[in-house]
Protein backbone atom coordinates (compact mmCIF):
# COMPACT_ATOMS: atom_id res chain seq x y z
CA MET A 1 -20.02 13.02 18.33
CA ASN A 2 -18.40 10.69 15.92
CA HIS A 3 -16.60 7.80 17.40
CA ILE A 4 -14.18 7.31 14.31
CA LYS A 5 -11.19 9.52 15.08
CA HIS A 6 -8.33 7.98 13.10
CA LEU A 7 -8.35 6.95 9.50
CA LEU A 8 -5.95 4.24 8.34
CA PHE A 9 -5.66 4.17 4.36
CA ASP A 10 -4.18 1.47 2.29
CA PHE A 11 -2.11 3.27 -0.50
CA GLY A 12 -2.45 1.21 -3.68
CA ASN A 13 -5.94 0.92 -5.23
CA VAL A 14 -7.34 3.28 -2.49
CA LEU A 15 -5.59 6.38 -2.96
CA LEU A 16 -3.03 5.57 -5.69
CA ASN A 17 -4.38 3.98 -8.96
CA LEU A 18 -2.72 0.60 -9.80
CA ASP A 19 -2.76 -1.83 -12.62
CA GLU A 20 -1.25 -4.82 -10.91
CA GLN A 21 -1.95 -7.18 -13.97
CA LYS A 22 0.71 -5.02 -16.09
CA THR A 23 3.47 -6.25 -13.70
CA TRP A 24 2.21 -9.80 -13.34
CA GLN A 25 1.76 -10.19 -16.93
CA GLY A 26 5.22 -8.78 -17.74
CA LEU A 27 6.80 -11.11 -15.09
CA GLU A 28 5.06 -14.04 -16.60
CA GLU A 29 6.54 -13.42 -19.96
CA ILE A 30 10.13 -13.53 -18.65
CA LEU A 31 10.10 -15.81 -15.60
CA ASP A 32 10.52 -19.67 -15.84
CA PRO A 33 7.51 -21.22 -13.88
CA LYS A 34 9.50 -24.10 -12.81
CA LEU A 35 11.79 -21.78 -10.86
CA CYS A 36 8.98 -19.64 -9.19
CA GLU A 37 7.18 -21.99 -6.85
CA ASP A 38 8.90 -20.15 -3.98
CA ILE A 39 8.85 -16.62 -5.48
CA ASN A 40 6.30 -15.20 -2.74
CA GLU A 41 8.28 -16.59 0.17
CA GLN A 42 11.75 -15.84 -1.02
CA VAL A 43 11.28 -12.86 -3.39
CA PHE A 44 8.16 -10.76 -3.01
CA PHE A 45 7.36 -11.03 0.69
CA PRO A 46 11.02 -10.53 1.75
CA PHE A 47 11.31 -7.45 -0.34
CA GLU A 48 8.14 -5.90 0.91
CA CYS A 49 9.31 -6.37 4.52
CA GLY A 50 12.61 -4.87 3.85
CA LEU A 51 14.51 -8.16 4.64
CA ILE A 52 16.34 -8.10 1.40
CA SER A 53 17.85 -5.20 -0.61
CA GLU A 54 16.98 -3.94 -4.02
CA ASP A 55 19.89 -5.65 -5.66
CA SER A 56 18.91 -8.94 -4.03
CA PHE A 57 15.42 -8.66 -5.13
CA PHE A 58 16.22 -8.16 -8.77
CA ASN A 59 19.02 -10.77 -8.75
CA ARG A 60 16.43 -13.25 -7.48
CA LEU A 61 14.12 -12.36 -10.37
CA GLN A 62 17.00 -12.77 -12.70
CA ARG A 63 17.85 -16.13 -11.48
CA ARG A 64 14.14 -17.22 -11.97
CA SER A 65 14.19 -15.96 -15.58
CA ILE A 66 13.91 -17.91 -18.80
CA ASN A 67 16.68 -15.76 -20.02
CA VAL A 68 18.70 -13.37 -17.78
CA LEU A 69 17.93 -9.88 -18.97
CA GLN A 70 19.37 -6.41 -18.09
CA GLY A 71 18.34 -5.17 -14.81
CA ASP A 72 16.50 -2.22 -16.15
CA VAL A 73 14.09 -4.58 -17.83
CA TYR A 74 12.98 -5.83 -14.46
CA VAL A 75 12.75 -2.45 -12.98
CA LYS A 76 10.45 -1.22 -15.72
CA ILE A 77 8.10 -4.39 -15.47
CA TRP A 78 8.10 -4.13 -11.63
CA ASN A 79 7.11 -0.31 -11.61
CA SER A 80 4.50 -0.63 -14.53
CA MET A 81 1.69 -1.32 -12.09
CA LEU A 82 2.12 2.17 -10.82
CA LEU A 83 -0.29 4.61 -12.19
CA ASP A 84 -1.40 8.15 -10.90
CA LEU A 85 -2.35 9.78 -7.71
CA PRO A 86 -5.30 12.00 -8.84
CA GLU A 87 -5.44 15.59 -7.62
CA HIS A 88 -8.99 15.33 -6.24
CA ARG A 89 -7.88 12.62 -3.84
CA ILE A 90 -5.05 14.93 -2.37
CA ARG A 91 -7.68 17.69 -1.90
CA PHE A 92 -9.82 14.82 -0.33
CA LEU A 93 -7.01 14.10 2.16
CA GLU A 94 -6.46 17.77 2.98
CA LYS A 95 -10.13 18.21 3.87
CA LEU A 96 -10.12 15.04 6.11
CA LYS A 97 -7.34 16.53 8.25
CA SER A 98 -9.53 18.96 10.03
CA ASP A 99 -11.64 16.25 11.30
CA TYR A 100 -9.41 13.07 11.69
CA ASN A 101 -5.95 11.88 12.25
CA ILE A 102 -4.82 10.35 9.15
CA TYR A 103 -2.40 7.45 8.65
CA LEU A 104 -1.05 5.54 5.76
CA LEU A 105 -0.48 1.72 6.13
CA SER A 106 1.05 0.27 3.04
CA ASN A 107 2.50 -3.05 1.91
CA THR A 108 5.18 -1.85 -0.44
CA ASN A 109 8.80 -1.70 -1.31
CA ILE A 110 11.59 0.94 -1.74
CA THR A 111 11.60 0.60 -5.47
CA HIS A 112 7.85 1.13 -5.76
CA LEU A 113 7.82 3.97 -3.19
CA ARG A 114 10.71 5.86 -4.82
CA SER A 115 9.03 5.77 -8.15
CA VAL A 116 5.83 6.96 -6.77
CA GLN A 117 7.57 9.86 -4.91
CA HIS A 118 9.05 10.91 -8.19
CA LYS A 119 5.71 10.83 -9.87
CA ILE A 120 4.19 13.08 -7.07
CA LYS A 121 7.13 15.41 -7.02
CA ARG A 122 6.95 15.77 -10.89
CA ASN A 123 3.13 16.18 -10.97
CA TYR A 124 2.66 18.26 -7.74
CA PRO A 125 6.00 20.12 -7.28
CA THR A 126 4.72 22.06 -4.31
CA LEU A 127 2.96 19.26 -2.51
CA ASP A 128 4.41 18.11 0.80
CA PHE A 129 2.68 14.54 0.39
CA GLU A 130 4.06 13.33 3.75
CA ALA A 131 2.30 16.23 5.46
CA LEU A 132 -1.08 14.91 4.39
CA PHE A 133 -0.71 12.12 7.04
CA ASN A 134 -0.04 12.03 10.69
CA LYS A 135 2.32 9.19 10.08
CA MET A 136 2.96 6.74 7.14
CA TYR A 137 3.62 3.09 7.80
CA PHE A 138 5.44 1.25 4.96
CA SER A 139 6.05 -2.53 5.36
CA HIS A 140 9.62 -2.28 4.14
CA ASP A 141 10.31 0.15 6.80
CA ILE A 142 8.90 -1.60 9.75
CA HIS A 143 9.68 -5.12 8.53
CA LEU A 144 6.10 -6.27 8.82
CA ARG A 145 3.36 -6.67 6.14
CA LYS A 146 -0.29 -7.06 5.98
CA PRO A 147 -2.18 -9.24 6.80
CA ASP A 148 0.10 -10.25 9.66
CA PRO A 149 -1.82 -9.01 12.91
CA LYS A 150 1.52 -7.83 14.30
CA ILE A 151 1.58 -4.92 11.72
CA TYR A 152 -1.72 -3.51 13.02
CA GLU A 153 -0.53 -4.07 16.68
CA TYR A 154 2.61 -2.23 15.81
CA VAL A 155 0.60 0.90 14.33
CA LEU A 156 -1.82 0.88 17.21
CA GLN A 157 0.95 1.07 19.85
CA ASP A 158 3.15 3.44 17.86
CA ALA A 159 0.38 5.93 17.42
CA SER A 160 -1.25 5.27 20.62
CA LEU A 161 -4.68 4.55 18.98
CA GLN A 162 -7.62 2.66 20.26
CA PRO A 163 -8.97 0.13 17.59
CA HIS A 164 -12.63 1.03 18.16
CA GLU A 165 -11.77 4.64 17.27
CA CYS A 166 -10.12 3.67 14.03
CA LEU A 167 -11.46 3.06 10.40
CA PHE A 168 -9.03 0.89 8.24
CA ILE A 169 -9.71 1.01 4.43
CA ASP A 170 -7.98 -1.59 2.20
CA ASP A 171 -8.92 -3.32 -0.98
CA LYS A 172 -7.70 -6.87 -0.06
CA ILE A 173 -10.21 -8.83 2.04
CA GLU A 174 -7.47 -10.76 3.91
CA ASN A 175 -6.08 -7.50 5.18
CA ILE A 176 -9.55 -6.33 6.27
CA GLU A 177 -10.27 -9.64 8.18
CA ALA A 178 -6.90 -9.34 10.04
CA ALA A 179 -7.60 -5.86 11.21
CA GLN A 180 -11.17 -6.76 12.24
CA SER A 181 -9.72 -9.64 14.35
CA LEU A 182 -8.06 -6.99 16.61
CA GLY A 183 -11.30 -4.92 16.81
CA ILE A 184 -10.36 -2.36 14.18
CA ASN A 185 -13.34 -0.80 12.25
CA SER A 186 -12.52 -1.96 8.71
CA TYR A 187 -13.92 -1.29 5.06
CA HIS A 188 -13.22 -3.62 2.23
CA HIS A 189 -12.77 -1.04 -0.66
CA ASN A 190 -13.67 -1.86 -4.27
CA TYR A 191 -11.11 -0.21 -6.37
CA ASN A 192 -13.58 0.60 -9.13
CA ASP A 193 -15.08 3.02 -6.68
CA ASP A 194 -13.50 6.44 -5.89
CA ILE A 195 -12.58 6.76 -2.21
CA ALA A 196 -13.21 10.37 -2.27
CA ASP A 197 -16.85 9.99 -3.56
CA ILE A 198 -17.94 7.29 -1.17
CA PHE A 199 -16.16 8.15 2.06
CA GLU A 200 -18.93 9.98 3.77
CA HIS A 201 -21.27 6.95 2.97
CA ILE A 202 -18.54 4.57 4.51
CA VAL A 203 -17.87 6.62 7.69
CA ALA A 204 -21.57 6.84 8.24
CA LYS A 205 -21.99 3.22 8.45
CA PHE A 206 -19.42 3.04 11.26
CA ASN A 207 -20.68 6.12 13.18
CA GLY A 208 -24.29 5.03 12.83
């Protein structure tokens, strides 16, 4: 019998296609580098953890700009990294539900999540995306972000999961290493691969 019972998927660059460079290049064009030395600690990370509001987030970007621009400019740049959720990955998740408990564990923010939800609703009007998962964990909801080990501990406790029965799939090595430190089976995903195509090969490695 397979010992992997629970799947924990990262969202971006595993299930959802991203082009993060679009956002970072867009921000580089409008932000003043001299004002951005603390941008991770004071802007990006607090927003991902839900510790500051949307208005505060975009206001902090404005205050770090070469020239203050209209708010919708920042929203457009911020959301430009978000691409598509291919239909075959939705079907892939639907098939997995018969054999596994499936969880989503994502560092994200309310602006990105709202934009993705709109895209999914527009492209798949009859899909209940949330129903694809036993539960979805978003950093801005639980006020923790990967790779802080506390976020994995939170999920394990909240969902009553045993680490050795889980497989966590993420595209960032620091997130993988943090999960592994807690005994969670983890796979570092190359976003150039399609998770739907290689999943059986991945899970076989951990069930072997």
